[in-house]
Amino acid sequence: MIPALPKRPLGAHGPELTVVGLGAWAIGGPSTVDSWGPQDDDVSVATVRRALDDGVNWIDTAPIYGLGHSEEIVGRAVHGRRHEVIVGVLPQG
């Protein structure tokens, strides 16, 4: 078992975030020019779930990551566990 990840507040009054989060750009797949190429969605779901199992409590995603595909995969991965994680979605534009 790994030790618990330390947490720090986001800003002066924000939620407590683990010092390590999960960036979801790569799991968006190959739908944009600046993508990471093809990804296996089942492996991506397993990766997100493993991060949660290991104590990560925040995920960064954005509509541009795979033109929304990343958010779909993150949604699949956190289904039933949404209360455990903060999903940060960056606004477009």
Protein backbone atom coordinates (compact mmCIF):
# COMPACT_ATOMS: atom_id res chain seq x y z
CA MET A 1 0.00 0.00 0.00
CA ILE A 2 1.26 3.43 -0.89
CA PRO A 3 1.19 6.23 1.68
CA ALA A 4 -1.64 8.77 1.44
CA LEU A 5 -0.94 11.63 -0.94
CA PRO A 6 -0.53 14.96 0.81
CA LYS A 7 -3.20 17.58 0.13
CA ARG A 8 -3.08 21.35 -0.11
CA PRO A 9 -5.87 23.91 -0.40
CA LEU A 10 -6.62 25.40 -3.81
CA GLY A 11 -6.36 29.11 -3.13
CA ALA A 12 -7.30 30.65 0.19
CA HIS A 13 -10.62 28.87 0.64
CA GLY A 14 -10.68 26.22 -2.05
CA PRO A 15 -11.02 22.48 -1.80
CA GLU A 16 -8.17 20.28 -0.61
CA LEU A 17 -6.39 18.81 -3.64
CA THR A 18 -3.80 16.07 -3.66
CA VAL A 19 -0.37 17.34 -4.68
CA VAL A 20 -0.56 14.96 -7.64
CA GLY A 21 -3.46 15.05 -10.09
CA LEU A 22 -4.24 13.36 -13.38
CA GLY A 23 -4.10 15.24 -16.66
CA ALA A 24 -6.53 13.80 -19.22
CA TRP A 25 -5.25 15.36 -22.45
CA ALA A 26 -3.79 12.14 -23.82
CA ILE A 27 -6.94 10.08 -23.29
CA GLY A 28 -8.81 12.35 -25.70
CA GLY A 29 -7.41 10.31 -28.56
CA PRO A 30 -6.48 11.34 -32.10
CA SER A 31 -9.26 13.77 -33.04
CA THR A 32 -7.10 16.92 -33.17
CA VAL A 33 -3.81 17.83 -34.82
CA ASP A 34 -2.02 18.26 -31.49
CA SER A 35 -3.31 15.00 -30.01
CA TRP A 36 -1.34 12.14 -28.52
CA GLY A 37 -2.63 9.71 -31.16
CA PRO A 38 -4.86 6.68 -30.79
CA GLN A 39 -5.60 5.53 -27.24
CA ASP A 40 -7.34 2.46 -25.87
CA ASP A 41 -10.41 3.74 -24.03
CA ASP A 42 -10.52 0.75 -21.68
CA VAL A 43 -6.89 1.35 -20.68
CA SER A 44 -7.70 5.03 -20.15
CA VAL A 45 -10.65 4.16 -17.89
CA ALA A 46 -8.45 1.74 -15.94
CA THR A 47 -5.78 4.44 -15.58
CA VAL A 48 -8.24 6.96 -14.15
CA ARG A 49 -9.64 4.37 -11.75
CA ARG A 50 -6.15 3.38 -10.64
CA ALA A 51 -5.31 7.01 -9.95
CA LEU A 52 -8.43 7.26 -7.75
CA ASP A 53 -7.52 3.99 -6.02
CA ASP A 54 -4.08 5.44 -5.30
CA GLY A 55 -5.59 8.55 -3.71
CA VAL A 56 -5.55 11.15 -6.49
CA ASN A 57 -8.56 13.40 -5.97
CA TRP A 58 -8.52 15.71 -9.00
CA ILE A 59 -8.50 15.34 -12.76
CA ASP A 60 -7.79 18.04 -15.33
CA THR A 61 -9.75 17.87 -18.58
CA ALA A 62 -11.06 20.31 -21.17
CA PRO A 63 -13.50 20.24 -24.09
CA ILE A 64 -10.61 20.54 -26.55
CA TYR A 65 -9.03 17.26 -25.35
CA GLY A 66 -10.24 14.96 -28.10
CA LEU A 67 -13.10 17.35 -28.83
CA GLY A 68 -14.90 16.11 -25.70
CA HIS A 69 -13.80 12.49 -25.87
CA SER A 70 -11.55 12.89 -22.83
CA GLU A 71 -14.51 14.11 -20.79
CA GLU A 72 -16.59 11.12 -21.92
CA ILE A 73 -13.84 8.72 -20.82
CA VAL A 74 -13.34 10.51 -17.50
CA GLY A 75 -17.12 10.35 -16.95
CA ARG A 76 -17.10 6.61 -17.60
CA ALA A 77 -14.17 6.14 -15.26
CA VAL A 78 -15.60 8.08 -12.32
CA HIS A 79 -19.12 6.67 -12.63
CA GLY A 80 -20.18 5.61 -9.15
CA ARG A 81 -17.17 7.38 -7.65
CA ARG A 82 -17.93 10.99 -8.57
CA HIS A 83 -18.00 11.96 -4.88
CA GLU A 84 -14.29 11.04 -4.64
CA VAL A 85 -12.93 13.40 -7.27
CA ILE A 86 -12.84 17.02 -8.40
CA VAL A 87 -12.99 17.26 -12.18
CA GLY A 88 -11.57 20.54 -13.45
CA VAL A 89 -12.91 21.50 -16.86
CA LEU A 90 -11.23 24.47 -18.48
CA PRO A 91 -13.59 26.80 -20.34
CA GLN A 92 -13.24 27.10 -24.10
CA GLY A 93 -12.38 30.36 -25.79
